Amino acid sequence: MSYYQTKNNISIEAEKYYSGIEDGFTKVDQSQCSFCQDSCQGCLNYRPYINTTHGKMVIHANDYIVYDYTGRRHVIGGRLFEQIFNNHLTKI
């Protein structure tokens, strides 16, 4: 996990998504699930997710998981995070 600091001295923790950090897998397309079971984690119709205060947030391959100061987790798209990192964050 990496630590970052904003120009306003707010510290955050963030890490790029990797397998195992998710809370589970959820179906995103049930139209072709004639053979699937609820535990087919390798199925293309399933996506990893984390539980947040806003409900389940689906994670994509390049997304970052950001931890706020209370320890709550949020999903931020990879491109957006890198733009913010390049303009507003310093790795500490």
PDB file of N, CA and C in Angstrom:
ATOM      1  N   MET A   1       0.851  -1.168   0.000  1.00  0.00           N
ATOM      2  CA  MET A   1       0.000   0.000   0.000  1.00  0.00           C
ATOM      3  C   MET A   1       0.898   1.233   0.000  1.00  0.00           C
ATOM      4  N   SER A   2       0.455   2.250  -0.707  1.00  0.00           N
ATOM      5  CA  SER A   2       1.215   3.487  -0.787  1.00  0.00           C
ATOM      6  C   SER A   2       0.462   4.605  -0.082  1.00  0.00           C
ATOM      7  N   TYR A   3       1.223   5.541   0.436  1.00  0.00           N
ATOM      8  CA  TYR A   3       0.658   6.688   1.135  1.00  0.00           C
ATOM      9  C   TYR A   3       0.913   7.932   0.303  1.00  0.00           C
ATOM     10  N   TYR A   4      -0.105   8.802   0.238  1.00  0.00           N
ATOM     11  CA  TYR A   4      -0.018  10.025  -0.539  1.00  0.00           C
ATOM     12  C   TYR A   4      -0.470  11.191   0.319  1.00  0.00           C
ATOM     13  N   GLN A   5       0.022  12.381  -0.030  1.00  0.00           N
ATOM     14  CA  GLN A   5      -0.370  13.580   0.695  1.00  0.00           C
ATOM     15  C   GLN A   5      -0.796  14.638  -0.307  1.00  0.00           C
ATOM     16  N   THR A   6      -1.925  15.292  -0.026  1.00  0.00           N
ATOM     17  CA  THR A   6      -2.396  16.357  -0.900  1.00  0.00           C
ATOM     18  C   THR A   6      -1.655  17.650  -0.563  1.00  0.00           C
ATOM     19  N   LYS A   7      -1.855  18.642  -1.385  1.00  0.00           N
ATOM     20  CA  LYS A   7      -1.242  19.946  -1.127  1.00  0.00           C
ATOM     21  C   LYS A   7      -1.802  20.582   0.137  1.00  0.00           C
ATOM     22  N   ASN A   8      -2.986  20.107   0.585  1.00  0.00           N
ATOM     23  CA  ASN A   8      -3.600  20.612   1.821  1.00  0.00           C
ATOM     24  C   ASN A   8      -3.205  19.766   3.031  1.00  0.00           C
ATOM     25  N   ASN A   9      -2.179  18.942   2.885  1.00  0.00           N
ATOM     26  CA  ASN A   9      -1.667  18.073   3.952  1.00  0.00           C
ATOM     27  C   ASN A   9      -2.673  17.021   4.426  1.00  0.00           C
ATOM     28  N   ILE A  10      -3.527  16.552   3.536  1.00  0.00           N
ATOM     29  CA  ILE A  10      -4.420  15.449   3.851  1.00  0.00           C
ATOM     30  C   ILE A  10      -3.759  14.174   3.341  1.00  0.00           C
ATOM     31  N   SER A  11      -3.618  13.193   4.210  1.00  0.00           N
ATOM     32  CA  SER A  11      -2.978  11.938   3.828  1.00  0.00           C
ATOM     33  C   SER A  11      -4.018  10.906   3.439  1.00  0.00           C
ATOM     34  N   ILE A  12      -3.708  10.133   2.386  1.00  0.00           N
ATOM     35  CA  ILE A  12      -4.568   9.030   1.985  1.00  0.00           C
ATOM     36  C   ILE A  12      -3.701   7.806   1.716  1.00  0.00           C
ATOM     37  N   GLU A  13      -4.329   6.651   1.765  1.00  0.00           N
ATOM     38  CA  GLU A  13      -3.674   5.412   1.397  1.00  0.00           C
ATOM     39  C   GLU A  13      -4.356   4.899   0.143  1.00  0.00           C
ATOM     40  N   ALA A  14      -3.585   4.324  -0.763  1.00  0.00           N
ATOM     41  CA  ALA A  14      -4.170   3.805  -1.995  1.00  0.00           C
ATOM     42  C   ALA A  14      -3.330   2.651  -2.506  1.00  0.00           C
ATOM     43  N   GLU A  15      -4.003   1.753  -3.216  1.00  0.00           N
ATOM     44  CA  GLU A  15      -3.298   0.664  -3.870  1.00  0.00           C
ATOM     45  C   GLU A  15      -4.059   0.263  -5.120  1.00  0.00           C
ATOM     46  N   LYS A  16      -3.312  -0.136  -6.130  1.00  0.00           N
ATOM     47  CA  LYS A  16      -3.924  -0.596  -7.358  1.00  0.00           C
ATOM     48  C   LYS A  16      -4.577  -1.940  -7.090  1.00  0.00           C
ATOM     49  N   TYR A  17      -5.727  -2.178  -7.701  1.00  0.00           N
ATOM     50  CA  TYR A  17      -6.455  -3.421  -7.471  1.00  0.00           C
ATOM     51  C   TYR A  17      -5.593  -4.626  -7.827  1.00  0.00           C
ATOM     52  N   TYR A  18      -5.655  -5.639  -6.978  1.00  0.00           N
ATOM     53  CA  TYR A  18      -5.042  -6.938  -7.263  1.00  0.00           C
ATOM     54  C   TYR A  18      -5.980  -8.008  -6.717  1.00  0.00           C
ATOM     55  N   SER A  19      -5.905  -9.161  -7.300  1.00  0.00           N
ATOM     56  CA  SER A  19      -6.776 -10.260  -6.902  1.00  0.00           C
ATOM     57  C   SER A  19      -6.566 -10.599  -5.437  1.00  0.00           C
ATOM     58  N   GLY A  20      -7.647 -10.708  -4.707  1.00  0.00           N
ATOM     59  CA  GLY A  20      -7.592 -11.021  -3.284  1.00  0.00           C
ATOM     60  C   GLY A  20      -7.992  -9.866  -2.395  1.00  0.00           C
ATOM     61  N   ILE A  21      -7.984  -8.652  -2.915  1.00  0.00           N
ATOM     62  CA  ILE A  21      -8.344  -7.488  -2.106  1.00  0.00           C
ATOM     63  C   ILE A  21      -9.860  -7.251  -2.108  1.00  0.00           C
ATOM     64  N   GLU A  22     -10.564  -7.875  -3.046  1.00  0.00           N
ATOM     65  CA  GLU A  22     -12.006  -7.669  -3.178  1.00  0.00           C
ATOM     66  C   GLU A  22     -12.760  -8.333  -2.028  1.00  0.00           C
ATOM     67  N   ASP A  23     -13.998  -7.888  -1.831  1.00  0.00           N
ATOM     68  CA  ASP A  23     -14.876  -8.496  -0.823  1.00  0.00           C
ATOM     69  C   ASP A  23     -15.658  -9.669  -1.398  1.00  0.00           C
ATOM     70  N   GLY A  24     -15.739  -9.756  -2.701  1.00  0.00           N
ATOM     71  CA  GLY A  24     -16.468 -10.832  -3.343  1.00  0.00           C
ATOM     72  C   GLY A  24     -16.624 -10.564  -4.824  1.00  0.00           C
ATOM     73  N   PHE A  25     -17.477 -11.363  -5.464  1.00  0.00           N
ATOM     74  CA  PHE A  25     -17.740 -11.229  -6.881  1.00  0.00           C
ATOM     75  C   PHE A  25     -19.248 -11.120  -7.081  1.00  0.00           C
ATOM     76  N   THR A  26     -19.654 -10.303  -8.028  1.00  0.00           N
ATOM     77  CA  THR A  26     -21.077 -10.117  -8.286  1.00  0.00           C
ATOM     78  C   THR A  26     -21.353 -10.285  -9.769  1.00  0.00           C
ATOM     79  N   LYS A  27     -22.536 -10.799 -10.089  1.00  0.00           N
ATOM     80  CA  LYS A  27     -22.921 -10.947 -11.488  1.00  0.00           C
ATOM     81  C   LYS A  27     -23.182  -9.581 -12.091  1.00  0.00           C
ATOM     82  N   VAL A  28     -22.635  -9.354 -13.272  1.00  0.00           N
ATOM     83  CA  VAL A  28     -22.903  -8.104 -13.973  1.00  0.00           C
ATOM     84  C   VAL A  28     -23.680  -8.342 -15.252  1.00  0.00           C
ATOM     85  N   ASP A  29     -23.705  -9.585 -15.727  1.00  0.00           N
ATOM     86  CA  ASP A  29     -24.468  -9.923 -16.928  1.00  0.00           C
ATOM     87  C   ASP A  29     -25.008 -11.327 -16.752  1.00  0.00           C
ATOM     88  N   GLN A  30     -26.301 -11.429 -16.597  1.00  0.00           N
ATOM     89  CA  GLN A  30     -26.911 -12.731 -16.363  1.00  0.00           C
ATOM     90  C   GLN A  30     -27.495 -13.329 -17.635  1.00  0.00           C
ATOM     91  N   SER A  31     -27.360 -12.669 -18.760  1.00  0.00           N
ATOM     92  CA  SER A  31     -28.001 -13.135 -19.987  1.00  0.00           C
ATOM     93  C   SER A  31     -27.410 -14.437 -20.502  1.00  0.00           C
ATOM     94  N   GLN A  32     -26.164 -14.761 -20.137  1.00  0.00           N
ATOM     95  CA  GLN A  32     -25.534 -15.987 -20.622  1.00  0.00           C
ATOM     96  C   GLN A  32     -25.117 -16.893 -19.472  1.00  0.00           C
ATOM     97  N   CYS A  33     -25.897 -16.907 -18.413  1.00  0.00           N
ATOM     98  CA  CYS A  33     -25.528 -17.668 -17.221  1.00  0.00           C
ATOM     99  C   CYS A  33     -26.283 -18.989 -17.104  1.00  0.00           C
ATOM    100  N   SER A  34     -26.456 -19.719 -18.188  1.00  0.00           N
ATOM    101  CA  SER A  34     -27.206 -20.967 -18.097  1.00  0.00           C
ATOM    102  C   SER A  34     -26.428 -22.044 -17.338  1.00  0.00           C
ATOM    103  N   PHE A  35     -25.123 -21.964 -17.299  1.00  0.00           N
ATOM    104  CA  PHE A  35     -24.329 -22.983 -16.618  1.00  0.00           C
ATOM    105  C   PHE A  35     -23.662 -22.481 -15.344  1.00  0.00           C
ATOM    106  N   CYS A  36     -23.781 -21.199 -15.058  1.00  0.00           N
ATOM    107  CA  CYS A  36     -23.070 -20.621 -13.913  1.00  0.00           C
ATOM    108  C   CYS A  36     -23.718 -20.987 -12.584  1.00  0.00           C
ATOM    109  N   GLN A  37     -22.866 -20.999 -11.569  1.00  0.00           N
ATOM    110  CA  GLN A  37     -23.315 -21.112 -10.191  1.00  0.00           C
ATOM    111  C   GLN A  37     -22.895 -19.821  -9.513  1.00  0.00           C
ATOM    112  N   ASP A  38     -23.382 -19.582  -8.322  1.00  0.00           N
ATOM    113  CA  ASP A  38     -23.058 -18.329  -7.653  1.00  0.00           C
ATOM    114  C   ASP A  38     -21.598 -18.223  -7.237  1.00  0.00           C
ATOM    115  N   SER A  39     -20.843 -19.273  -7.368  1.00  0.00           N
ATOM    116  CA  SER A  39     -19.447 -19.207  -6.946  1.00  0.00           C
ATOM    117  C   SER A  39     -18.470 -19.298  -8.120  1.00  0.00           C
ATOM    118  N   CYS A  40     -18.929 -19.079  -9.356  1.00  0.00           N
ATOM    119  CA  CYS A  40     -17.987 -19.160 -10.489  1.00  0.00           C
ATOM    120  C   CYS A  40     -17.191 -17.880 -10.604  1.00  0.00           C
ATOM    121  N   GLN A  41     -16.149 -17.779  -9.835  1.00  0.00           N
ATOM    122  CA  GLN A  41     -15.367 -16.542  -9.794  1.00  0.00           C
ATOM    123  C   GLN A  41     -14.613 -16.284 -11.091  1.00  0.00           C
ATOM    124  N   GLY A  42     -14.322 -17.318 -11.871  1.00  0.00           N
ATOM    125  CA  GLY A  42     -13.611 -17.121 -13.123  1.00  0.00           C
ATOM    126  C   GLY A  42     -14.515 -16.738 -14.280  1.00  0.00           C
ATOM    127  N   CYS A  43     -15.805 -16.763 -14.074  1.00  0.00           N
ATOM    128  CA  CYS A  43     -16.778 -16.471 -15.124  1.00  0.00           C
ATOM    129  C   CYS A  43     -16.670 -15.008 -15.542  1.00  0.00           C
ATOM    130  N   LEU A  44     -16.753 -14.753 -16.842  1.00  0.00           N
ATOM    131  CA  LEU A  44     -16.671 -13.381 -17.342  1.00  0.00           C
ATOM    132  C   LEU A  44     -17.871 -12.535 -16.965  1.00  0.00           C
ATOM    133  N   ASN A  45     -18.954 -13.191 -16.511  1.00  0.00           N
ATOM    134  CA  ASN A  45     -20.139 -12.449 -16.093  1.00  0.00           C
ATOM    135  C   ASN A  45     -20.033 -11.970 -14.653  1.00  0.00           C
ATOM    136  N   TYR A  46     -18.972 -12.316 -13.973  1.00  0.00           N
ATOM    137  CA  TYR A  46     -18.748 -11.892 -12.590  1.00  0.00           C
ATOM    138  C   TYR A  46     -17.649 -10.849 -12.550  1.00  0.00           C
ATOM    139  N   ARG A  47     -17.793  -9.874 -11.668  1.00  0.00           N
ATOM    140  CA  ARG A  47     -16.764  -8.851 -11.473  1.00  0.00           C
ATOM    141  C   ARG A  47     -16.484  -8.720  -9.984  1.00  0.00           C
ATOM    142  N   PRO A  48     -15.235  -8.416  -9.632  1.00  0.00           N
ATOM    143  CA  PRO A  48     -14.922  -8.209  -8.217  1.00  0.00           C
ATOM    144  C   PRO A  48     -15.556  -6.916  -7.719  1.00  0.00           C
ATOM    145  N   TYR A  49     -15.826  -6.861  -6.421  1.00  0.00           N
ATOM    146  CA  TYR A  49     -16.388  -5.654  -5.830  1.00  0.00           C
ATOM    147  C   TYR A  49     -15.849  -5.482  -4.417  1.00  0.00           C
ATOM    148  N   ILE A  50     -15.987  -4.257  -3.909  1.00  0.00           N
ATOM    149  CA  ILE A  50     -15.759  -3.994  -2.488  1.00  0.00           C
ATOM    150  C   ILE A  50     -17.024  -3.361  -1.938  1.00  0.00           C
ATOM    151  N   ASN A  51     -17.272  -3.597  -0.674  1.00  0.00           N
ATOM    152  CA  ASN A  51     -18.396  -2.968   0.005  1.00  0.00           C
ATOM    153  C   ASN A  51     -17.975  -1.577   0.464  1.00  0.00           C
ATOM    154  N   THR A  52     -18.813  -0.593   0.176  1.00  0.00           N
ATOM    155  CA  THR A  52     -18.543   0.778   0.598  1.00  0.00           C
ATOM    156  C   THR A  52     -19.794   1.323   1.279  1.00  0.00           C
ATOM    157  N   THR A  53     -19.709   2.525   1.773  1.00  0.00           N
ATOM    158  CA  THR A  53     -20.882   3.150   2.381  1.00  0.00           C
ATOM    159  C   THR A  53     -21.958   3.434   1.338  1.00  0.00           C
ATOM    160  N   HIS A  54     -21.589   3.366   0.054  1.00  0.00           N
ATOM    161  CA  HIS A  54     -22.533   3.584  -1.040  1.00  0.00           C
ATOM    162  C   HIS A  54     -23.010   2.270  -1.642  1.00  0.00           C
ATOM    163  N   GLY A  55     -22.701   1.156  -0.998  1.00  0.00           N
ATOM    164  CA  GLY A  55     -23.078  -0.157  -1.518  1.00  0.00           C
ATOM    165  C   GLY A  55     -21.902  -0.836  -2.205  1.00  0.00           C
ATOM    166  N   LYS A  56     -22.211  -1.865  -2.991  1.00  0.00           N
ATOM    167  CA  LYS A  56     -21.170  -2.589  -3.721  1.00  0.00           C
ATOM    168  C   LYS A  56     -20.631  -1.717  -4.846  1.00  0.00           C
ATOM    169  N   MET A  57     -19.310  -1.633  -4.933  1.00  0.00           N
ATOM    170  CA  MET A  57     -18.681  -0.921  -6.041  1.00  0.00           C
ATOM    171  C   MET A  57     -17.852  -1.927  -6.820  1.00  0.00           C
ATOM    172  N   VAL A  58     -18.193  -2.099  -8.093  1.00  0.00           N
ATOM    173  CA  VAL A  58     -17.494  -3.042  -8.964  1.00  0.00           C
ATOM    174  C   VAL A  58     -16.111  -2.481  -9.284  1.00  0.00           C
ATOM    175  N   ILE A  59     -15.138  -3.378  -9.305  1.00  0.00           N
ATOM    176  CA  ILE A  59     -13.744  -2.999  -9.548  1.00  0.00           C
ATOM    177  C   ILE A  59     -13.336  -3.480 -10.936  1.00  0.00           C
ATOM    178  N   HIS A  60     -12.611  -2.642 -11.661  1.00  0.00           N
ATOM    179  CA  HIS A  60     -12.053  -3.011 -12.961  1.00  0.00           C
ATOM    180  C   HIS A  60     -10.540  -3.174 -12.810  1.00  0.00           C
ATOM    181  N   ALA A  61      -9.915  -3.755 -13.806  1.00  0.00           N
ATOM    182  CA  ALA A  61      -8.506  -4.157 -13.712  1.00  0.00           C
ATOM    183  C   ALA A  61      -7.550  -3.032 -13.312  1.00  0.00           C
ATOM    184  N   ASN A  62      -7.732  -1.822 -13.796  1.00  0.00           N
ATOM    185  CA  ASN A  62      -6.772  -0.743 -13.521  1.00  0.00           C
ATOM    186  C   ASN A  62      -7.207   0.200 -12.410  1.00  0.00           C
ATOM    187  N   ASP A  63      -8.285  -0.127 -11.708  1.00  0.00           N
ATOM    188  CA  ASP A  63      -8.792   0.748 -10.654  1.00  0.00           C
ATOM    189  C   ASP A  63      -7.889   0.764  -9.426  1.00  0.00           C
ATOM    190  N   TYR A  64      -8.028   1.833  -8.653  1.00  0.00           N
ATOM    191  CA  TYR A  64      -7.328   1.963  -7.376  1.00  0.00           C
ATOM    192  C   TYR A  64      -8.339   1.882  -6.243  1.00  0.00           C
ATOM    193  N   ILE A  65      -7.924   1.284  -5.156  1.00  0.00           N
ATOM    194  CA  ILE A  65      -8.708   1.274  -3.935  1.00  0.00           C
ATOM    195  C   ILE A  65      -8.085   2.336  -3.043  1.00  0.00           C
ATOM    196  N   VAL A  66      -8.888   3.315  -2.653  1.00  0.00           N
ATOM    197  CA  VAL A  66      -8.408   4.429  -1.836  1.00  0.00           C
ATOM    198  C   VAL A  66      -9.054   4.311  -0.467  1.00  0.00           C
ATOM    199  N   TYR A  67      -8.243   4.466   0.570  1.00  0.00           N
ATOM    200  CA  TYR A  67      -8.707   4.411   1.955  1.00  0.00           C
ATOM    201  C   TYR A  67      -8.711   5.827   2.495  1.00  0.00           C
ATOM    202  N   ASP A  68      -9.859   6.281   2.992  1.00  0.00           N
ATOM    203  CA  ASP A  68      -9.884   7.623   3.562  1.00  0.00           C
ATOM    204  C   ASP A  68      -9.400   7.578   5.019  1.00  0.00           C
ATOM    205  N   TYR A  69      -9.395   8.715   5.669  1.00  0.00           N
ATOM    206  CA  TYR A  69      -8.836   8.803   7.017  1.00  0.00           C
ATOM    207  C   TYR A  69      -9.616   7.982   8.039  1.00  0.00           C
ATOM    208  N   THR A  70     -10.849   7.585   7.725  1.00  0.00           N
ATOM    209  CA  THR A  70     -11.625   6.758   8.653  1.00  0.00           C
ATOM    210  C   THR A  70     -11.455   5.270   8.358  1.00  0.00           C
ATOM    211  N   GLY A  71     -10.724   4.946   7.293  1.00  0.00           N
ATOM    212  CA  GLY A  71     -10.517   3.550   6.920  1.00  0.00           C
ATOM    213  C   GLY A  71     -11.520   3.044   5.902  1.00  0.00           C
ATOM    214  N   ARG A  72     -12.477   3.879   5.525  1.00  0.00           N
ATOM    215  CA  ARG A  72     -13.449   3.462   4.509  1.00  0.00           C
ATOM    216  C   ARG A  72     -12.769   3.388   3.147  1.00  0.00           C
ATOM    217  N   ARG A  73     -13.241   2.459   2.332  1.00  0.00           N
ATOM    218  CA  ARG A  73     -12.633   2.247   1.018  1.00  0.00           C
ATOM    219  C   ARG A  73     -13.517   2.806  -0.089  1.00  0.00           C
ATOM    220  N   HIS A  74     -12.861   3.256  -1.148  1.00  0.00           N
ATOM    221  CA  HIS A  74     -13.530   3.801  -2.323  1.00  0.00           C
ATOM    222  C   HIS A  74     -12.797   3.287  -3.557  1.00  0.00           C
ATOM    223  N   VAL A  75     -13.518   3.155  -4.656  1.00  0.00           N
ATOM    224  CA  VAL A  75     -12.914   2.752  -5.924  1.00  0.00           C
ATOM    225  C   VAL A  75     -12.769   3.990  -6.796  1.00  0.00           C
ATOM    226  N   ILE A  76     -11.568   4.181  -7.338  1.00  0.00           N
ATOM    227  CA  ILE A  76     -11.322   5.287  -8.267  1.00  0.00           C
ATOM    228  C   ILE A  76     -10.677   4.692  -9.512  1.00  0.00           C
ATOM    229  N   GLY A  77     -11.191   5.078 -10.667  1.00  0.00           N
ATOM    230  CA  GLY A  77     -10.640   4.593 -11.933  1.00  0.00           C
ATOM    231  C   GLY A  77      -9.161   4.915 -12.051  1.00  0.00           C
ATOM    232  N   GLY A  78      -8.420   4.032 -12.701  1.00  0.00           N
ATOM    233  CA  GLY A  78      -6.978   4.184 -12.826  1.00  0.00           C
ATOM    234  C   GLY A  78      -6.545   5.483 -13.473  1.00  0.00           C
ATOM    235  N   ARG A  79      -7.167   5.846 -14.592  1.00  0.00           N
ATOM    236  CA  ARG A  79      -6.790   7.092 -15.279  1.00  0.00           C
ATOM    237  C   ARG A  79      -7.061   8.307 -14.406  1.00  0.00           C
ATOM    238  N   LEU A  80      -8.222   8.327 -13.770  1.00  0.00           N
ATOM    239  CA  LEU A  80      -8.564   9.462 -12.908  1.00  0.00           C
ATOM    240  C   LEU A  80      -7.587   9.566 -11.749  1.00  0.00           C
ATOM    241  N   PHE A  81      -7.285   8.440 -11.099  1.00  0.00           N
ATOM    242  CA  PHE A  81      -6.356   8.473  -9.974  1.00  0.00           C
ATOM    243  C   PHE A  81      -4.995   8.983 -10.421  1.00  0.00           C
ATOM    244  N   GLU A  82      -4.508   8.497 -11.562  1.00  0.00           N
ATOM    245  CA  GLU A  82      -3.188   8.922 -12.034  1.00  0.00           C
ATOM    246  C   GLU A  82      -3.173  10.401 -12.402  1.00  0.00           C
ATOM    247  N   GLN A  83      -4.278  10.918 -12.933  1.00  0.00           N
ATOM    248  CA  GLN A  83      -4.351  12.358 -13.205  1.00  0.00           C
ATOM    249  C   GLN A  83      -4.297  13.144 -11.907  1.00  0.00           C
ATOM    250  N   ILE A  84      -5.044  12.705 -10.911  1.00  0.00           N
ATOM    251  CA  ILE A  84      -5.027  13.374  -9.611  1.00  0.00           C
ATOM    252  C   ILE A  84      -3.637  13.262  -8.997  1.00  0.00           C
ATOM    253  N   PHE A  85      -3.046  12.073  -9.066  1.00  0.00           N
ATOM    254  CA  PHE A  85      -1.715  11.856  -8.496  1.00  0.00           C
ATOM    255  C   PHE A  85      -0.704  12.799  -9.142  1.00  0.00           C
ATOM    256  N   ASN A  86      -0.740  12.893 -10.456  1.00  0.00           N
ATOM    257  CA  ASN A  86       0.238  13.726 -11.161  1.00  0.00           C
ATOM    258  C   ASN A  86       0.072  15.209 -10.854  1.00  0.00           C
ATOM    259  N   ASN A  87      -1.145  15.642 -10.549  1.00  0.00           N
ATOM    260  CA  ASN A  87      -1.394  17.068 -10.341  1.00  0.00           C
ATOM    261  C   ASN A  87      -1.528  17.506  -8.892  1.00  0.00           C
ATOM    262  N   HIS A  88      -1.922  16.612  -7.995  1.00  0.00           N
ATOM    263  CA  HIS A  88      -2.267  17.058  -6.658  1.00  0.00           C
ATOM    264  C   HIS A  88      -1.695  16.236  -5.508  1.00  0.00           C
ATOM    265  N   LEU A  89      -1.092  15.095  -5.795  1.00  0.00           N
ATOM    266  CA  LEU A  89      -0.626  14.235  -4.716  1.00  0.00           C
ATOM    267  C   LEU A  89       0.875  14.043  -4.744  1.00  0.00           C
ATOM    268  N   THR A  90       1.427  13.864  -3.573  1.00  0.00           N
ATOM    269  CA  THR A  90       2.838  13.541  -3.421  1.00  0.00           C
ATOM    270  C   THR A  90       2.934  12.211  -2.702  1.00  0.00           C
ATOM    271  N   LYS A  91       3.693  11.280  -3.252  1.00  0.00           N
ATOM    272  CA  LYS A  91       3.873   9.986  -2.607  1.00  0.00           C
ATOM    273  C   LYS A  91       4.799  10.167  -1.412  1.00  0.00           C
ATOM    274  N   ILE A  92       4.376   9.660  -0.237  1.00  0.00           N
ATOM    275  CA  ILE A  92       5.207   9.806   0.973  1.00  0.00           C
ATOM    276  C   ILE A  92       5.583   8.441   1.514  1.00  0.00           C
TER     277      ILE A  92
END
